[in-house]
C-alpha atoms as a PDB file:
ATOM      1  CA  MET A   1     159.426 103.882 -89.750  1.00  0.00           C
ATOM      2  CA  ILE A   2     159.341 106.534 -91.916  1.00  0.00           C
ATOM      3  CA  ASP A   3     159.257 110.026 -90.634  1.00  0.00           C
ATOM      4  CA  GLY A   4     157.533 109.018 -87.560  1.00  0.00           C
ATOM      5  CA  PHE A   5     154.939 106.782 -89.036  1.00  0.00           C
ATOM      6  CA  LEU A   6     154.569 102.650 -89.039  1.00  0.00           C
ATOM      7  CA  LYS A   7     154.974 101.331 -92.442  1.00  0.00           C
ATOM      8  CA  PRO A   8     153.122  98.142 -92.868  1.00  0.00           C
ATOM      9  CA  THR A   9     155.816  96.058 -91.696  1.00  0.00           C
ATOM     10  CA  ASP A  10     156.846  97.667 -88.526  1.00  0.00           C
ATOM     11  CA  SER A  11     153.042  96.821 -87.371  1.00  0.00           C
ATOM     12  CA  GLN A  12     153.299  93.273 -88.268  1.00  0.00           C
ATOM     13  CA  ASN A  13     156.883  93.226 -86.361  1.00  0.00           C
ATOM     14  CA  VAL A  14     155.480  95.050 -83.321  1.00  0.00           C
ATOM     15  CA  VAL A  15     152.531  92.377 -83.001  1.00  0.00           C
ATOM     16  CA  GLU A  16     154.744  89.453 -83.602  1.00  0.00           C
ATOM     17  CA  ASN A  17     157.352  90.428 -81.040  1.00  0.00           C
ATOM     18  CA  GLN A  18     154.949  91.148 -77.968  1.00  0.00           C
ATOM     19  CA  GLN A  19     154.848  88.735 -75.149  1.00  0.00           C
ATOM     20  CA  PRO A  20     151.612  86.477 -75.476  1.00  0.00           C
ATOM     21  CA  GLY A  21     153.526  84.439 -77.638  1.00  0.00           C
ATOM     22  CA  LYS A  22     156.182  83.463 -74.776  1.00  0.00           C
ATOM     23  CA  ILE A  23     152.974  82.956 -72.702  1.00  0.00           C
ATOM     24  CA  ALA A  24     151.396  80.571 -74.940  1.00  0.00           C
ATOM     25  CA  LYS A  25     154.857  78.725 -75.431  1.00  0.00           C
ATOM     26  CA  ASP A  26     154.816  78.442 -71.625  1.00  0.00           C
ATOM     27  CA  ARG A  27     151.204  77.278 -71.490  1.00  0.00           C
ATOM     28  CA  SER A  28     152.106  74.421 -74.403  1.00  0.00           C
ATOM     29  CA  ALA A  29     154.869  73.204 -72.052  1.00  0.00           C
ATOM     30  CA  TRP A  30     152.743  72.960 -69.111  1.00  0.00           C
ATOM     31  CA  ASP A  31     149.935  71.241 -70.982  1.00  0.00           C
ATOM     32  CA  LEU A  32     152.770  68.852 -72.317  1.00  0.00           C
ATOM     33  CA  LEU A  33     153.944  68.361 -68.876  1.00  0.00           C
ATOM     34  CA  SER A  34     150.595  67.758 -67.287  1.00  0.00           C
ATOM     35  CA  ALA A  35     149.740  65.092 -70.487  1.00  0.00           C
ATOM     36  CA  ARG A  36     152.687  63.492 -69.644  1.00  0.00           C
ATOM     37  CA  LEU A  37     151.623  63.289 -65.928  1.00  0.00           C
ATOM     38  CA  ARG A  38     148.487  61.836 -66.539  1.00  0.00           C
ATOM     39  CA  ALA A  39     149.958  59.117 -68.869  1.00  0.00           C
ATOM     40  CA  VAL A  40     152.322  58.127 -65.955  1.00  0.00           C
ATOM     41  CA  SER A  41     149.990  55.052 -64.993  1.00  0.00           C
ATOM     42  CA  ARG A  42     150.388  53.320 -68.530  1.00  0.00           C
ATOM     43  CA  SER A  43     154.152  53.975 -68.791  1.00  0.00           C
ATOM     44  CA  LYS A  44     156.526  50.963 -68.700  1.00  0.00           C
ATOM     45  CA  ALA A  45     159.437  52.678 -68.904  1.00  0.00           C
ATOM     46  CA  PHE A  46     161.644  53.536 -66.303  1.00  0.00           C
ATOM     47  CA  GLN A  47     163.817  56.248 -68.431  1.00  0.00           C
ATOM     48  CA  LYS A  48     160.774  57.816 -69.654  1.00  0.00           C
ATOM     49  CA  LEU A  49     159.504  58.033 -66.008  1.00  0.00           C
ATOM     50  CA  ARG A  50     162.581  59.620 -64.801  1.00  0.00           C
ATOM     51  CA  SER A  51     162.406  62.149 -67.799  1.00  0.00           C
ATOM     52  CA  VAL A  52     158.591  63.079 -66.571  1.00  0.00           C
ATOM     53  CA  ARG A  53     159.750  63.445 -63.043  1.00  0.00           C
ATOM     54  CA  ASP A  54     162.660  65.610 -63.642  1.00  0.00           C
ATOM     55  CA  ASP A  55     160.820  67.598 -65.855  1.00  0.00           C
ATOM     56  CA  ALA A  56     157.831  68.232 -63.343  1.00  0.00           C
ATOM     57  CA  GLN A  57     160.515  68.749 -60.590  1.00  0.00           C
ATOM     58  CA  LEU A  58     161.708  71.340 -62.440  1.00  0.00           C
ATOM     59  CA  MET A  59     158.453  73.430 -63.643  1.00  0.00           C
ATOM     60  CA  LYS A  60     157.880  73.024 -59.815  1.00  0.00           C
ATOM     61  CA  ILE A  61     160.526  75.100 -58.833  1.00  0.00           C
ATOM     62  CA  GLU A  62     159.655  77.339 -61.943  1.00  0.00           C
ATOM     63  CA  PHE A  63     156.148  77.783 -60.453  1.00  0.00           C
ATOM     64  CA  GLU A  64     157.668  78.225 -57.063  1.00  0.00           C
ATOM     65  CA  GLU A  65     159.564  81.190 -58.044  1.00  0.00           C
ATOM     66  CA  LYS A  66     156.865  82.582 -60.070  1.00  0.00           C
ATOM     67  CA  ILE A  67     154.685  82.610 -56.800  1.00  0.00           C
ATOM     68  CA  ASN A  68     157.677  84.107 -54.891  1.00  0.00           C
ATOM     69  CA  HIS A  69     157.900  87.241 -57.604  1.00  0.00           C
ATOM     70  CA  LEU A  70     154.180  87.721 -57.684  1.00  0.00           C
ATOM     71  CA  ASN A  71     153.953  87.912 -53.957  1.00  0.00           C
ATOM     72  CA  SER A  72     156.688  90.338 -53.722  1.00  0.00           C
ATOM     73  CA  LYS A  73     154.982  92.580 -56.561  1.00  0.00           C
ATOM     74  CA  ILE A  74     151.317  92.359 -54.616  1.00  0.00           C
ATOM     75  CA  SER A  75     153.016  94.746 -52.048  1.00  0.00           C
ATOM     76  CA  ASP A  76     154.130  97.494 -54.850  1.00  0.00           C
ATOM     77  CA  ALA A  77     151.268  97.128 -56.796  1.00  0.00           C
ATOM     78  CA  GLY A  78     149.064 100.268 -57.286  1.00  0.00           C
ATOM     79  CA  ASP A  79     145.601  99.337 -57.045  1.00  0.00           C
ATOM     80  CA  ASN A  80     143.371  96.528 -56.028  1.00  0.00           C
ATOM     81  CA  LEU A  81     142.704  95.331 -59.297  1.00  0.00           C
ATOM     82  CA  ASP A  82     146.467  94.601 -59.836  1.00  0.00           C
ATOM     83  CA  LYS A  83     146.489  92.707 -56.401  1.00  0.00           C
ATOM     84  CA  LEU A  84     143.577  90.843 -56.953  1.00  0.00           C
ATOM     85  CA  ALA A  85     144.603  89.643 -60.692  1.00  0.00           C
ATOM     86  CA  MET A  86     148.210  88.632 -59.150  1.00  0.00           C
ATOM     87  CA  ARG A  87     146.355  86.714 -56.408  1.00  0.00           C
ATOM     88  CA  GLU A  88     144.498  84.876 -59.069  1.00  0.00           C
ATOM     89  CA  GLU A  89     147.086  84.179 -60.752  1.00  0.00           C
ATOM     90  CA  ILE A  90     148.796  82.503 -57.642  1.00  0.00           C
ATOM     91  CA  ASP A  91     145.914  80.401 -56.912  1.00  0.00           C
ATOM     92  CA  LYS A  92     146.279  79.071 -60.528  1.00  0.00           C
ATOM     93  CA  ILE A  93     149.832  78.369 -60.033  1.00  0.00           C
ATOM     94  CA  HIS A  94     149.242  76.582 -56.520  1.00  0.00           C
ATOM     95  CA  ALA A  95     146.741  74.423 -58.607  1.00  0.00           C
ATOM     96  CA  ARG A  96     149.422  73.660 -61.120  1.00  0.00           C
ATOM     97  CA  ILE A  97     151.801  72.791 -58.485  1.00  0.00           C
ATOM     98  CA  LYS A  98     149.619  70.685 -56.787  1.00  0.00           C
ATOM     99  CA  THR A  99     148.924  68.822 -59.854  1.00  0.00           C
ATOM    100  CA  ILE A 100     152.740  68.240 -60.043  1.00  0.00           C
ATOM    101  CA  SER A 101     153.093  67.015 -56.613  1.00  0.00           C
ATOM    102  CA  ASP A 102     149.876  64.480 -56.966  1.00  0.00           C
ATOM    103  CA  GLY A 103     151.809  63.451 -60.490  1.00  0.00           C
ATOM    104  CA  LEU A 104     155.215  62.734 -58.833  1.00  0.00           C
ATOM    105  CA  GLY A 105     153.252  60.787 -56.062  1.00  0.00           C
ATOM    106  CA  ASN A 106     151.698  58.976 -59.124  1.00  0.00           C
ATOM    107  CA  ILE A 107     155.531  58.132 -60.601  1.00  0.00           C
ATOM    108  CA  ASP A 108     156.469  56.776 -57.400  1.00  0.00           C
ATOM    109  CA  LYS A 109     153.397  54.583 -57.403  1.00  0.00           C
ATOM    110  CA  ARG A 110     153.990  53.706 -60.649  1.00  0.00           C
ATOM    111  CA  VAL A 111     157.774  52.997 -60.129  1.00  0.00           C
ATOM    112  CA  THR A 112     156.482  50.583 -56.822  1.00  0.00           C
ATOM    113  CA  GLU A 113     154.252  48.617 -59.507  1.00  0.00           C
ATOM    114  CA  LEU A 114     156.859  48.051 -62.008  1.00  0.00           C
ATOM    115  CA  THR A 115     159.357  46.829 -59.462  1.00  0.00           C
ATOM    116  CA  LYS A 116     157.075  44.443 -57.804  1.00  0.00           C
ATOM    117  CA  LYS A 117     156.534  42.806 -61.540  1.00  0.00           C
ATOM    118  CA  ASP A 118     160.188  42.884 -62.488  1.00  0.00           C
ATOM    119  CA  THR A 119     160.783  40.889 -58.844  1.00  0.00           C
ATOM    120  CA  LYS A 120     158.109  38.228 -59.759  1.00  0.00           C
ATOM    121  CA  SER A 121     159.174  38.110 -63.363  1.00  0.00           C
ATOM    122  CA  GLY A 122     162.595  37.647 -62.145  1.00  0.00           C
ATOM    123  CA  LYS A 123     164.298  40.345 -64.191  1.00  0.00           C
END
């Protein structure tokens, strides 16, 4: 900044350091996990299934904490638009938690299937 004015490089840094990049990173973490949860039925490796399960459980905890945080902010929200936007975000997070819960159930089913196959083959 020179004499209160932004240099071209200053404005680039401001744009690069904003939060939307962090949000995009969070979304890609969710996209990766949801893809891994969808692939559970094809997995034959117990270690991979355990890794998916552990990551899903951690993300579920993070989402629940986010919901609690948003619920506490709703009471402090100034106007109805803020409240509605936070409720909408909470609904989206609830849908993700349901996806995770369904995926954890699918992991349990897959482990049962693989265990039966291992028992039949004598491993």
